[in-house]
Amino acid sequence: MEKKNMTPDEISVELSSRRTGMSFQRTRMSADRTLMSVIRTSLSLISFGFTIAQVFEKLKMEKVLSGGGSERHFGITLVVLGVVMLVFGIYFHGKFMWDLRKMRESMRAEALIHGESQFPVSMTWITAVLLLFIGLFAIYSMVFRGGPFG
């Protein structure tokens, strides 16, 4: 729109449309920050559980400790908990972003917002999926004592 010929009402509508468009971007970034929090917690659980299991496994191999393997089970449980938490985080993030995109497209179709900026694929989501695979490989390595981390 040409700014010189705009009425005050048109200017108000234009500003409102831009603010609403920017609020979609802020909401998207907020969802990414939430997923990052899930990633941090999951990574902590996965790495701590894997480390516990590996340390106690090495101590048993060196015959420093003997036991029934409860430490290994505890480590596996922590890794599984981290992976499950990550699965739920990825799912809810994906669902939220899908709904946000649909709402944005609906508002764009009704000309309530411009929608000029893109909604790119979330790098946070890609990182979460990669960490999920690492967690699954860690579980496999711990349970079957093989694989990429065994």
C-alpha atoms as a PDB file:
ATOM      1  CA  MET A   1       0.000   0.000   0.000  1.00  0.00           C
ATOM      2  CA  GLU A   2       1.090   3.543  -0.702  1.00  0.00           C
ATOM      3  CA  LYS A   3       1.562   5.281   2.636  1.00  0.00           C
ATOM      4  CA  LYS A   4       0.842   8.778   1.329  1.00  0.00           C
ATOM      5  CA  ASN A   5      -2.744   8.060   0.345  1.00  0.00           C
ATOM      6  CA  MET A   6      -3.699   5.933   3.351  1.00  0.00           C
ATOM      7  CA  THR A   7      -6.418   6.999   5.720  1.00  0.00           C
ATOM      8  CA  PRO A   8      -5.828   6.730   9.469  1.00  0.00           C
ATOM      9  CA  ASP A   9      -8.074   3.649   9.550  1.00  0.00           C
ATOM     10  CA  GLU A  10      -6.067   1.977   6.795  1.00  0.00           C
ATOM     11  CA  ILE A  11      -2.842   2.764   8.627  1.00  0.00           C
ATOM     12  CA  SER A  12      -4.277   1.261  11.813  1.00  0.00           C
ATOM     13  CA  VAL A  13      -5.336  -1.912   9.976  1.00  0.00           C
ATOM     14  CA  GLU A  14      -1.917  -2.181   8.318  1.00  0.00           C
ATOM     15  CA  LEU A  15      -0.089  -1.839  11.643  1.00  0.00           C
ATOM     16  CA  SER A  16      -2.390  -4.343  13.293  1.00  0.00           C
ATOM     17  CA  SER A  17      -1.812  -6.810  10.467  1.00  0.00           C
ATOM     18  CA  ARG A  18       1.954  -6.452  10.791  1.00  0.00           C
ATOM     19  CA  ARG A  19       1.860  -6.852  14.581  1.00  0.00           C
ATOM     20  CA  THR A  20      -0.226 -10.005  14.226  1.00  0.00           C
ATOM     21  CA  GLY A  21       2.201 -11.393  11.654  1.00  0.00           C
ATOM     22  CA  MET A  22       5.115 -10.688  13.969  1.00  0.00           C
ATOM     23  CA  SER A  23       3.287 -12.352  16.854  1.00  0.00           C
ATOM     24  CA  PHE A  24       3.201 -15.577  14.829  1.00  0.00           C
ATOM     25  CA  GLN A  25       6.981 -15.406  14.514  1.00  0.00           C
ATOM     26  CA  ARG A  26       7.354 -14.781  18.267  1.00  0.00           C
ATOM     27  CA  THR A  27       5.054 -17.709  19.024  1.00  0.00           C
ATOM     28  CA  ARG A  28       7.070 -19.927  16.708  1.00  0.00           C
ATOM     29  CA  MET A  29      10.325 -18.924  18.395  1.00  0.00           C
ATOM     30  CA  SER A  30       8.747 -19.538  21.790  1.00  0.00           C
ATOM     31  CA  ALA A  31       7.773 -23.057  20.721  1.00  0.00           C
ATOM     32  CA  ASP A  32      11.366 -23.635  19.598  1.00  0.00           C
ATOM     33  CA  ARG A  33      12.638 -22.478  23.001  1.00  0.00           C
ATOM     34  CA  THR A  34      10.254 -24.901  24.698  1.00  0.00           C
ATOM     35  CA  LEU A  35      11.545 -27.753  22.547  1.00  0.00           C
ATOM     36  CA  MET A  36      15.112 -26.698  23.390  1.00  0.00           C
ATOM     37  CA  SER A  37      14.254 -27.088  27.062  1.00  0.00           C
ATOM     38  CA  VAL A  38      12.993 -30.595  26.378  1.00  0.00           C
ATOM     39  CA  ILE A  39      16.179 -31.334  24.417  1.00  0.00           C
ATOM     40  CA  ARG A  40      18.401 -30.135  27.279  1.00  0.00           C
ATOM     41  CA  THR A  41      16.571 -32.242  29.838  1.00  0.00           C
ATOM     42  CA  SER A  42      16.481 -35.301  27.576  1.00  0.00           C
ATOM     43  CA  LEU A  43      20.160 -34.939  26.734  1.00  0.00           C
ATOM     44  CA  SER A  44      20.991 -34.748  30.428  1.00  0.00           C
ATOM     45  CA  LEU A  45      18.989 -37.884  31.199  1.00  0.00           C
ATOM     46  CA  ILE A  46      20.398 -39.798  28.225  1.00  0.00           C
ATOM     47  CA  SER A  47      24.017 -38.866  28.864  1.00  0.00           C
ATOM     48  CA  PHE A  48      23.804 -39.359  32.637  1.00  0.00           C
ATOM     49  CA  GLY A  49      22.108 -42.743  32.268  1.00  0.00           C
ATOM     50  CA  PHE A  50      24.585 -43.905  29.633  1.00  0.00           C
ATOM     51  CA  THR A  51      27.521 -42.755  31.769  1.00  0.00           C
ATOM     52  CA  ILE A  52      26.226 -44.497  34.891  1.00  0.00           C
ATOM     53  CA  ALA A  53      25.765 -47.746  33.009  1.00  0.00           C
ATOM     54  CA  GLN A  54      29.181 -47.548  31.338  1.00  0.00           C
ATOM     55  CA  VAL A  55      31.115 -46.618  34.490  1.00  0.00           C
ATOM     56  CA  PHE A  56      29.627 -49.424  36.542  1.00  0.00           C
ATOM     57  CA  GLU A  57      30.071 -51.866  33.656  1.00  0.00           C
ATOM     58  CA  LYS A  58      33.784 -50.987  33.474  1.00  0.00           C
ATOM     59  CA  LEU A  59      34.149 -51.291  37.266  1.00  0.00           C
ATOM     60  CA  LYS A  60      32.615 -54.762  37.125  1.00  0.00           C
ATOM     61  CA  MET A  61      34.898 -55.777  34.273  1.00  0.00           C
ATOM     62  CA  GLU A  62      37.912 -54.650  36.315  1.00  0.00           C
ATOM     63  CA  LYS A  63      36.497 -56.615  39.258  1.00  0.00           C
ATOM     64  CA  VAL A  64      36.420 -53.495  41.419  1.00  0.00           C
ATOM     65  CA  LEU A  65      32.701 -54.001  42.043  1.00  0.00           C
ATOM     66  CA  SER A  66      30.389 -56.944  42.023  1.00  0.00           C
ATOM     67  CA  GLY A  67      26.639 -56.738  42.033  1.00  0.00           C
ATOM     68  CA  GLY A  68      23.381 -57.704  40.495  1.00  0.00           C
ATOM     69  CA  GLY A  69      23.345 -55.080  37.747  1.00  0.00           C
ATOM     70  CA  SER A  70      20.889 -52.681  39.302  1.00  0.00           C
ATOM     71  CA  GLU A  71      23.147 -49.761  38.320  1.00  0.00           C
ATOM     72  CA  ARG A  72      22.934 -50.844  34.684  1.00  0.00           C
ATOM     73  CA  HIS A  73      19.136 -51.045  34.918  1.00  0.00           C
ATOM     74  CA  PHE A  74      19.036 -47.605  36.519  1.00  0.00           C
ATOM     75  CA  GLY A  75      21.187 -46.204  33.698  1.00  0.00           C
ATOM     76  CA  ILE A  76      18.991 -47.812  31.052  1.00  0.00           C
ATOM     77  CA  THR A  77      15.902 -46.442  32.782  1.00  0.00           C
ATOM     78  CA  LEU A  78      17.312 -42.914  32.699  1.00  0.00           C
ATOM     79  CA  VAL A  79      18.115 -43.216  28.993  1.00  0.00           C
ATOM     80  CA  VAL A  80      14.642 -44.592  28.235  1.00  0.00           C
ATOM     81  CA  LEU A  81      13.087 -41.768  30.246  1.00  0.00           C
ATOM     82  CA  GLY A  82      15.114 -39.219  28.246  1.00  0.00           C
ATOM     83  CA  VAL A  83      14.070 -40.798  24.942  1.00  0.00           C
ATOM     84  CA  VAL A  84      10.381 -40.973  25.935  1.00  0.00           C
ATOM     85  CA  MET A  85      10.466 -37.344  27.056  1.00  0.00           C
ATOM     86  CA  LEU A  86      12.040 -36.390  23.731  1.00  0.00           C
ATOM     87  CA  VAL A  87       9.424 -38.326  21.740  1.00  0.00           C
ATOM     88  CA  PHE A  88       6.620 -36.467  23.519  1.00  0.00           C
ATOM     89  CA  GLY A  89       8.423 -33.138  23.077  1.00  0.00           C
ATOM     90  CA  ILE A  90       8.884 -33.730  19.340  1.00  0.00           C
ATOM     91  CA  TYR A  91       5.275 -34.824  18.947  1.00  0.00           C
ATOM     92  CA  PHE A  92       3.767 -31.875  20.811  1.00  0.00           C
ATOM     93  CA  HIS A  93       6.099 -29.410  19.069  1.00  0.00           C
ATOM     94  CA  GLY A  94       5.151 -30.811  15.670  1.00  0.00           C
ATOM     95  CA  LYS A  95       1.445 -30.709  16.469  1.00  0.00           C
ATOM     96  CA  PHE A  96       1.670 -27.155  17.813  1.00  0.00           C
ATOM     97  CA  MET A  97       3.614 -25.952  14.760  1.00  0.00           C
ATOM     98  CA  TRP A  98       1.163 -27.668  12.388  1.00  0.00           C
ATOM     99  CA  ASP A  99      -1.770 -25.954  14.100  1.00  0.00           C
ATOM    100  CA  LEU A 100       0.067 -22.618  14.099  1.00  0.00           C
ATOM    101  CA  ARG A 101       0.756 -22.920  10.365  1.00  0.00           C
ATOM    102  CA  LYS A 102      -2.892 -23.739   9.659  1.00  0.00           C
ATOM    103  CA  MET A 103      -4.064 -20.766  11.711  1.00  0.00           C
ATOM    104  CA  ARG A 104      -1.550 -18.508   9.971  1.00  0.00           C
ATOM    105  CA  GLU A 105      -2.644 -19.691   6.527  1.00  0.00           C
ATOM    106  CA  SER A 106      -6.282 -19.202   7.473  1.00  0.00           C
ATOM    107  CA  MET A 107      -5.609 -15.632   8.588  1.00  0.00           C
ATOM    108  CA  ARG A 108      -3.551 -15.021   5.467  1.00  0.00           C
ATOM    109  CA  ALA A 109      -6.373 -16.320   3.253  1.00  0.00           C
ATOM    110  CA  GLU A 110      -8.764 -13.914   4.974  1.00  0.00           C
ATOM    111  CA  ALA A 111      -6.250 -11.077   4.375  1.00  0.00           C
ATOM    112  CA  LEU A 112      -5.922 -10.473   8.107  1.00  0.00           C
ATOM    113  CA  ILE A 113      -2.146 -10.762   7.885  1.00  0.00           C
ATOM    114  CA  HIS A 114       0.342 -10.449   5.039  1.00  0.00           C
ATOM    115  CA  GLY A 115       2.253 -13.688   5.684  1.00  0.00           C
ATOM    116  CA  GLU A 116       5.221 -12.519   3.648  1.00  0.00           C
ATOM    117  CA  SER A 117       7.826 -14.156   5.863  1.00  0.00           C
ATOM    118  CA  GLN A 118       8.292 -17.899   5.651  1.00  0.00           C
ATOM    119  CA  PHE A 119       7.952 -20.525   8.357  1.00  0.00           C
ATOM    120  CA  PRO A 120      11.152 -22.499   7.742  1.00  0.00           C
ATOM    121  CA  VAL A 121      11.739 -25.973   9.089  1.00  0.00           C
ATOM    122  CA  SER A 122      12.829 -25.728  12.695  1.00  0.00           C
ATOM    123  CA  MET A 123      16.509 -26.508  13.251  1.00  0.00           C
ATOM    124  CA  THR A 124      15.557 -27.248  16.848  1.00  0.00           C
ATOM    125  CA  TRP A 125      13.168 -29.942  15.642  1.00  0.00           C
ATOM    126  CA  ILE A 126      15.874 -31.469  13.420  1.00  0.00           C
ATOM    127  CA  THR A 127      18.286 -31.483  16.375  1.00  0.00           C
ATOM    128  CA  ALA A 128      15.662 -33.166  18.561  1.00  0.00           C
ATOM    129  CA  VAL A 129      15.104 -35.908  15.972  1.00  0.00           C
ATOM    130  CA  LEU A 130      18.861 -36.520  15.670  1.00  0.00           C
ATOM    131  CA  LEU A 131      19.165 -36.722  19.455  1.00  0.00           C
ATOM    132  CA  LEU A 132      16.269 -39.178  19.468  1.00  0.00           C
ATOM    133  CA  PHE A 133      18.209 -41.496  17.158  1.00  0.00           C
ATOM    134  CA  ILE A 134      21.317 -41.155  19.309  1.00  0.00           C
ATOM    135  CA  GLY A 135      19.238 -42.054  22.369  1.00  0.00           C
ATOM    136  CA  LEU A 136      17.776 -45.092  20.625  1.00  0.00           C
ATOM    137  CA  PHE A 137      21.277 -46.229  19.614  1.00  0.00           C
ATOM    138  CA  ALA A 138      22.405 -45.748  23.215  1.00  0.00           C
ATOM    139  CA  ILE A 139      19.558 -47.941  24.483  1.00  0.00           C
ATOM    140  CA  TYR A 140      20.417 -50.597  21.918  1.00  0.00           C
ATOM    141  CA  SER A 141      24.083 -50.476  22.906  1.00  0.00           C
ATOM    142  CA  MET A 142      23.292 -50.736  26.599  1.00  0.00           C
ATOM    143  CA  VAL A 143      20.756 -53.543  26.317  1.00  0.00           C
ATOM    144  CA  PHE A 144      22.539 -55.686  23.721  1.00  0.00           C
ATOM    145  CA  ARG A 145      26.117 -54.578  24.540  1.00  0.00           C
ATOM    146  CA  GLY A 146      26.819 -53.786  20.912  1.00  0.00           C
ATOM    147  CA  GLY A 147      26.014 -51.266  18.250  1.00  0.00           C
ATOM    148  CA  PRO A 148      27.648 -47.916  17.708  1.00  0.00           C
ATOM    149  CA  PHE A 149      28.253 -47.151  21.398  1.00  0.00           C
ATOM    150  CA  GLY A 150      29.018 -50.627  22.670  1.00  0.00           C
END
